[in-house]
Amino acid sequence: MSGKAKYKKAYIDDVINLSLVKGKVSNHFIAKWLHVDEKTIRNWRKDYYEFDHAFHHAADILKKS
């Protein structure tokens, strides 16, 4: 991808939904899904609490079911 990828709040829902379907997702998987570099995902997780929380939230939902 050329240029800097822009974070979108909609990515939170993507992470949660994909996690619920797959059982768990990695930074690598989400990067491929969103067509961005894995480093971008790590940066977004560091910079946007809600995005990082989405990875953990889906895991919590799966543990309760």
PDB file of N, CA and C in Angstrom:
ATOM      1  N   MET A   1       0.843  -1.171   0.000  1.00  0.00           N
ATOM      2  CA  MET A   1       0.000   0.000   0.000  1.00  0.00           C
ATOM      3  C   MET A   1       0.886   1.230   0.000  1.00  0.00           C
ATOM      4  N   SER A   2       0.601   2.157  -0.868  1.00  0.00           N
ATOM      5  CA  SER A   2       1.403   3.371  -0.909  1.00  0.00           C
ATOM      6  C   SER A   2       0.810   4.410   0.036  1.00  0.00           C
ATOM      7  N   GLY A   3       1.683   5.223   0.614  1.00  0.00           N
ATOM      8  CA  GLY A   3       1.218   6.228   1.551  1.00  0.00           C
ATOM      9  C   GLY A   3       0.906   5.611   2.896  1.00  0.00           C
ATOM     10  N   LYS A   4       0.575   6.474   3.824  1.00  0.00           N
ATOM     11  CA  LYS A   4       0.285   6.012   5.175  1.00  0.00           C
ATOM     12  C   LYS A   4      -1.180   5.600   5.286  1.00  0.00           C
ATOM     13  N   ALA A   5      -1.408   4.401   5.793  1.00  0.00           N
ATOM     14  CA  ALA A   5      -2.770   3.895   5.956  1.00  0.00           C
ATOM     15  C   ALA A   5      -3.468   4.685   7.056  1.00  0.00           C
ATOM     16  N   LYS A   6      -4.712   5.014   6.845  1.00  0.00           N
ATOM     17  CA  LYS A   6      -5.484   5.766   7.832  1.00  0.00           C
ATOM     18  C   LYS A   6      -6.347   4.824   8.648  1.00  0.00           C
ATOM     19  N   TYR A   7      -6.316   5.040   9.944  1.00  0.00           N
ATOM     20  CA  TYR A   7      -7.121   4.260  10.870  1.00  0.00           C
ATOM     21  C   TYR A   7      -8.582   4.670  10.742  1.00  0.00           C
ATOM     22  N   LYS A   8      -9.472   3.683  10.811  1.00  0.00           N
ATOM     23  CA  LYS A   8     -10.920   3.930  10.778  1.00  0.00           C
ATOM     24  C   LYS A   8     -11.552   3.181  11.938  1.00  0.00           C
ATOM     25  N   LYS A   9     -12.491   3.824  12.610  1.00  0.00           N
ATOM     26  CA  LYS A   9     -13.168   3.189  13.748  1.00  0.00           C
ATOM     27  C   LYS A   9     -13.873   1.899  13.343  1.00  0.00           C
ATOM     28  N   ALA A  10     -14.255   1.795  12.090  1.00  0.00           N
ATOM     29  CA  ALA A  10     -14.934   0.579  11.612  1.00  0.00           C
ATOM     30  C   ALA A  10     -14.042  -0.656  11.742  1.00  0.00           C
ATOM     31  N   TYR A  11     -12.740  -0.455  11.829  1.00  0.00           N
ATOM     32  CA  TYR A  11     -11.827  -1.587  11.977  1.00  0.00           C
ATOM     33  C   TYR A  11     -12.058  -2.327  13.296  1.00  0.00           C
ATOM     34  N   ILE A  12     -12.576  -1.634  14.283  1.00  0.00           N
ATOM     35  CA  ILE A  12     -12.885  -2.276  15.570  1.00  0.00           C
ATOM     36  C   ILE A  12     -13.891  -3.401  15.345  1.00  0.00           C
ATOM     37  N   ASP A  13     -14.953  -3.115  14.620  1.00  0.00           N
ATOM     38  CA  ASP A  13     -15.964  -4.140  14.325  1.00  0.00           C
ATOM     39  C   ASP A  13     -15.376  -5.275  13.500  1.00  0.00           C
ATOM     40  N   ASP A  14     -14.482  -4.949  12.566  1.00  0.00           N
ATOM     41  CA  ASP A  14     -13.833  -5.985  11.758  1.00  0.00           C
ATOM     42  C   ASP A  14     -13.066  -6.952  12.654  1.00  0.00           C
ATOM     43  N   VAL A  15     -12.294  -6.401  13.591  1.00  0.00           N
ATOM     44  CA  VAL A  15     -11.495  -7.245  14.483  1.00  0.00           C
ATOM     45  C   VAL A  15     -12.410  -8.136  15.325  1.00  0.00           C
ATOM     46  N   ILE A  16     -13.450  -7.555  15.899  1.00  0.00           N
ATOM     47  CA  ILE A  16     -14.357  -8.334  16.743  1.00  0.00           C
ATOM     48  C   ILE A  16     -15.052  -9.422  15.924  1.00  0.00           C
ATOM     49  N   ASN A  17     -15.609  -9.062  14.798  1.00  0.00           N
ATOM     50  CA  ASN A  17     -16.344 -10.038  13.987  1.00  0.00           C
ATOM     51  C   ASN A  17     -15.439 -11.153  13.471  1.00  0.00           C
ATOM     52  N   LEU A  18     -14.266 -10.796  12.998  1.00  0.00           N
ATOM     53  CA  LEU A  18     -13.340 -11.822  12.513  1.00  0.00           C
ATOM     54  C   LEU A  18     -12.874 -12.716  13.654  1.00  0.00           C
ATOM     55  N   SER A  19     -12.663 -12.133  14.811  1.00  0.00           N
ATOM     56  CA  SER A  19     -12.258 -12.926  15.976  1.00  0.00           C
ATOM     57  C   SER A  19     -13.333 -13.922  16.366  1.00  0.00           C
ATOM     58  N   LEU A  20     -14.570 -13.468  16.337  1.00  0.00           N
ATOM     59  CA  LEU A  20     -15.667 -14.356  16.712  1.00  0.00           C
ATOM     60  C   LEU A  20     -15.828 -15.499  15.711  1.00  0.00           C
ATOM     61  N   VAL A  21     -15.592 -15.230  14.452  1.00  0.00           N
ATOM     62  CA  VAL A  21     -15.714 -16.264  13.427  1.00  0.00           C
ATOM     63  C   VAL A  21     -14.538 -17.242  13.493  1.00  0.00           C
ATOM     64  N   LYS A  22     -13.328 -16.705  13.626  1.00  0.00           N
ATOM     65  CA  LYS A  22     -12.122 -17.546  13.592  1.00  0.00           C
ATOM     66  C   LYS A  22     -11.720 -18.087  14.962  1.00  0.00           C
ATOM     67  N   GLY A  23     -12.203 -17.488  16.017  1.00  0.00           N
ATOM     68  CA  GLY A  23     -11.819 -17.915  17.352  1.00  0.00           C
ATOM     69  C   GLY A  23     -10.714 -17.059  17.934  1.00  0.00           C
ATOM     70  N   LYS A  24      -9.870 -16.519  17.089  1.00  0.00           N
ATOM     71  CA  LYS A  24      -8.778 -15.643  17.506  1.00  0.00           C
ATOM     72  C   LYS A  24      -8.132 -15.096  16.244  1.00  0.00           C
ATOM     73  N   VAL A  25      -7.657 -13.869  16.316  1.00  0.00           N
ATOM     74  CA  VAL A  25      -6.946 -13.296  15.170  1.00  0.00           C
ATOM     75  C   VAL A  25      -5.630 -12.690  15.639  1.00  0.00           C
ATOM     76  N   SER A  26      -4.687 -12.683  14.736  1.00  0.00           N
ATOM     77  CA  SER A  26      -3.370 -12.121  15.026  1.00  0.00           C
ATOM     78  C   SER A  26      -3.216 -10.769  14.329  1.00  0.00           C
ATOM     79  N   ASN A  27      -2.195 -10.047  14.730  1.00  0.00           N
ATOM     80  CA  ASN A  27      -1.870  -8.799  14.033  1.00  0.00           C
ATOM     81  C   ASN A  27      -1.627  -9.085  12.558  1.00  0.00           C
ATOM     82  N   HIS A  28      -0.922 -10.174  12.282  1.00  0.00           N
ATOM     83  CA  HIS A  28      -0.614 -10.553  10.910  1.00  0.00           C
ATOM     84  C   HIS A  28      -1.895 -10.782  10.089  1.00  0.00           C
ATOM     85  N   PHE A  29      -2.835 -11.512  10.658  1.00  0.00           N
ATOM     86  CA  PHE A  29      -4.088 -11.800   9.955  1.00  0.00           C
ATOM     87  C   PHE A  29      -4.865 -10.511   9.668  1.00  0.00           C
ATOM     88  N   ILE A  30      -4.984  -9.653  10.674  1.00  0.00           N
ATOM     89  CA  ILE A  30      -5.734  -8.405  10.490  1.00  0.00           C
ATOM     90  C   ILE A  30      -5.029  -7.504   9.477  1.00  0.00           C
ATOM     91  N   ALA A  31      -3.716  -7.473   9.512  1.00  0.00           N
ATOM     92  CA  ALA A  31      -2.967  -6.672   8.534  1.00  0.00           C
ATOM     93  C   ALA A  31      -3.273  -7.136   7.109  1.00  0.00           C
ATOM     94  N   LYS A  32      -3.265  -8.456   6.902  1.00  0.00           N
ATOM     95  CA  LYS A  32      -3.591  -8.978   5.570  1.00  0.00           C
ATOM     96  C   LYS A  32      -5.039  -8.640   5.185  1.00  0.00           C
ATOM     97  N   TRP A  33      -5.943  -8.770   6.144  1.00  0.00           N
ATOM     98  CA  TRP A  33      -7.364  -8.498   5.895  1.00  0.00           C
ATOM     99  C   TRP A  33      -7.580  -7.041   5.486  1.00  0.00           C
ATOM    100  N   LEU A  34      -6.874  -6.126   6.161  1.00  0.00           N
ATOM    101  CA  LEU A  34      -7.053  -4.693   5.907  1.00  0.00           C
ATOM    102  C   LEU A  34      -6.075  -4.151   4.862  1.00  0.00           C
ATOM    103  N   HIS A  35      -5.215  -5.033   4.332  1.00  0.00           N
ATOM    104  CA  HIS A  35      -4.242  -4.644   3.310  1.00  0.00           C
ATOM    105  C   HIS A  35      -3.302  -3.538   3.803  1.00  0.00           C
ATOM    106  N   VAL A  36      -2.798  -3.735   5.019  1.00  0.00           N
ATOM    107  CA  VAL A  36      -1.817  -2.817   5.583  1.00  0.00           C
ATOM    108  C   VAL A  36      -0.648  -3.633   6.125  1.00  0.00           C
ATOM    109  N   ASP A  37       0.418  -2.959   6.460  1.00  0.00           N
ATOM    110  CA  ASP A  37       1.587  -3.603   7.035  1.00  0.00           C
ATOM    111  C   ASP A  37       1.296  -4.014   8.477  1.00  0.00           C
ATOM    112  N   GLU A  38       1.906  -5.096   8.912  1.00  0.00           N
ATOM    113  CA  GLU A  38       1.711  -5.556  10.286  1.00  0.00           C
ATOM    114  C   GLU A  38       2.179  -4.513  11.300  1.00  0.00           C
ATOM    115  N   LYS A  39       3.198  -3.759  10.958  1.00  0.00           N
ATOM    116  CA  LYS A  39       3.675  -2.684  11.828  1.00  0.00           C
ATOM    117  C   LYS A  39       2.579  -1.637  12.026  1.00  0.00           C
ATOM    118  N   THR A  40       1.805  -1.393  11.006  1.00  0.00           N
ATOM    119  CA  THR A  40       0.690  -0.450  11.110  1.00  0.00           C
ATOM    120  C   THR A  40      -0.313  -0.928  12.152  1.00  0.00           C
ATOM    121  N   ILE A  41      -0.619  -2.220  12.147  1.00  0.00           N
ATOM    122  CA  ILE A  41      -1.546  -2.783  13.142  1.00  0.00           C
ATOM    123  C   ILE A  41      -0.973  -2.601  14.544  1.00  0.00           C
ATOM    124  N   ARG A  42       0.306  -2.890  14.714  1.00  0.00           N
ATOM    125  CA  ARG A  42       0.926  -2.705  16.034  1.00  0.00           C
ATOM    126  C   ARG A  42       0.851  -1.245  16.478  1.00  0.00           C
ATOM    127  N   ASN A  43       1.099  -0.341  15.553  1.00  0.00           N
ATOM    128  CA  ASN A  43       1.011   1.087  15.885  1.00  0.00           C
ATOM    129  C   ASN A  43      -0.415   1.490  16.249  1.00  0.00           C
ATOM    130  N   TRP A  44      -1.375   1.013  15.478  1.00  0.00           N
ATOM    131  CA  TRP A  44      -2.769   1.336  15.780  1.00  0.00           C
ATOM    132  C   TRP A  44      -3.169   0.778  17.139  1.00  0.00           C
ATOM    133  N   ARG A  45      -2.709  -0.415  17.469  1.00  0.00           N
ATOM    134  CA  ARG A  45      -3.040  -1.003  18.775  1.00  0.00           C
ATOM    135  C   ARG A  45      -2.446  -0.167  19.898  1.00  0.00           C
ATOM    136  N   LYS A  46      -1.290   0.408  19.648  1.00  0.00           N
ATOM    137  CA  LYS A  46      -0.640   1.251  20.652  1.00  0.00           C
ATOM    138  C   LYS A  46      -1.329   2.622  20.746  1.00  0.00           C
ATOM    139  N   ASP A  47      -1.743   3.167  19.608  1.00  0.00           N
ATOM    140  CA  ASP A  47      -2.291   4.525  19.552  1.00  0.00           C
ATOM    141  C   ASP A  47      -3.792   4.616  19.812  1.00  0.00           C
ATOM    142  N   TYR A  48      -4.525   3.532  19.566  1.00  0.00           N
ATOM    143  CA  TYR A  48      -5.989   3.560  19.689  1.00  0.00           C
ATOM    144  C   TYR A  48      -6.431   2.454  20.640  1.00  0.00           C
ATOM    145  N   TYR A  49      -6.732   2.849  21.859  1.00  0.00           N
ATOM    146  CA  TYR A  49      -7.120   1.892  22.897  1.00  0.00           C
ATOM    147  C   TYR A  49      -8.278   1.011  22.443  1.00  0.00           C
ATOM    148  N   GLU A  50      -9.274   1.599  21.806  1.00  0.00           N
ATOM    149  CA  GLU A  50     -10.469   0.850  21.405  1.00  0.00           C
ATOM    150  C   GLU A  50     -10.125  -0.253  20.412  1.00  0.00           C
ATOM    151  N   PHE A  51      -9.191   0.039  19.534  1.00  0.00           N
ATOM    152  CA  PHE A  51      -8.765  -0.956  18.542  1.00  0.00           C
ATOM    153  C   PHE A  51      -8.065  -2.118  19.235  1.00  0.00           C
ATOM    154  N   ASP A  52      -7.137  -1.812  20.137  1.00  0.00           N
ATOM    155  CA  ASP A  52      -6.450  -2.857  20.886  1.00  0.00           C
ATOM    156  C   ASP A  52      -7.437  -3.653  21.732  1.00  0.00           C
ATOM    157  N   HIS A  53      -8.361  -2.956  22.350  1.00  0.00           N
ATOM    158  CA  HIS A  53      -9.343  -3.609  23.205  1.00  0.00           C
ATOM    159  C   HIS A  53     -10.209  -4.597  22.408  1.00  0.00           C
ATOM    160  N   ALA A  54     -10.450  -4.309  21.143  1.00  0.00           N
ATOM    161  CA  ALA A  54     -11.262  -5.198  20.305  1.00  0.00           C
ATOM    162  C   ALA A  54     -10.651  -6.592  20.228  1.00  0.00           C
ATOM    163  N   PHE A  55      -9.345  -6.686  20.190  1.00  0.00           N
ATOM    164  CA  PHE A  55      -8.682  -7.995  20.151  1.00  0.00           C
ATOM    165  C   PHE A  55      -8.988  -8.777  21.433  1.00  0.00           C
ATOM    166  N   HIS A  56      -8.977  -8.099  22.563  1.00  0.00           N
ATOM    167  CA  HIS A  56      -9.216  -8.740  23.851  1.00  0.00           C
ATOM    168  C   HIS A  56     -10.712  -8.982  24.110  1.00  0.00           C
ATOM    169  N   HIS A  57     -11.546  -8.065  23.651  1.00  0.00           N
ATOM    170  CA  HIS A  57     -12.987  -8.167  23.862  1.00  0.00           C
ATOM    171  C   HIS A  57     -13.556  -9.437  23.217  1.00  0.00           C
ATOM    172  N   ALA A  58     -13.159  -9.693  22.001  1.00  0.00           N
ATOM    173  CA  ALA A  58     -13.663 -10.888  21.312  1.00  0.00           C
ATOM    174  C   ALA A  58     -13.221 -12.147  22.049  1.00  0.00           C
ATOM    175  N   ALA A  59     -11.996 -12.169  22.530  1.00  0.00           N
ATOM    176  CA  ALA A  59     -11.511 -13.334  23.281  1.00  0.00           C
ATOM    177  C   ALA A  59     -12.329 -13.528  24.540  1.00  0.00           C
ATOM    178  N   ASP A  60     -12.693 -12.448  25.220  1.00  0.00           N
ATOM    179  CA  ASP A  60     -13.518 -12.525  26.419  1.00  0.00           C
ATOM    180  C   ASP A  60     -14.901 -13.078  26.099  1.00  0.00           C
ATOM    181  N   ILE A  61     -15.481 -12.643  24.991  1.00  0.00           N
ATOM    182  CA  ILE A  61     -16.799 -13.137  24.574  1.00  0.00           C
ATOM    183  C   ILE A  61     -16.725 -14.647  24.333  1.00  0.00           C
ATOM    184  N   LEU A  62     -15.690 -15.092  23.658  1.00  0.00           N
ATOM    185  CA  LEU A  62     -15.554 -16.524  23.354  1.00  0.00           C
ATOM    186  C   LEU A  62     -15.363 -17.346  24.615  1.00  0.00           C
ATOM    187  N   LYS A  63     -14.667 -16.812  25.592  1.00  0.00           N
ATOM    188  CA  LYS A  63     -14.464 -17.546  26.853  1.00  0.00           C
ATOM    189  C   LYS A  63     -15.778 -17.740  27.595  1.00  0.00           C
ATOM    190  N   LYS A  64     -16.694 -16.783  27.486  1.00  0.00           N
ATOM    191  CA  LYS A  64     -17.962 -16.838  28.198  1.00  0.00           C
ATOM    192  C   LYS A  64     -18.978 -17.746  27.526  1.00  0.00           C
ATOM    193  N   SER A  65     -18.769 -18.033  26.241  1.00  0.00           N
ATOM    194  CA  SER A  65     -19.762 -18.860  25.535  1.00  0.00           C
ATOM    195  C   SER A  65     -19.483 -20.335  25.666  1.00  0.00           C
TER     196      SER A  65
END
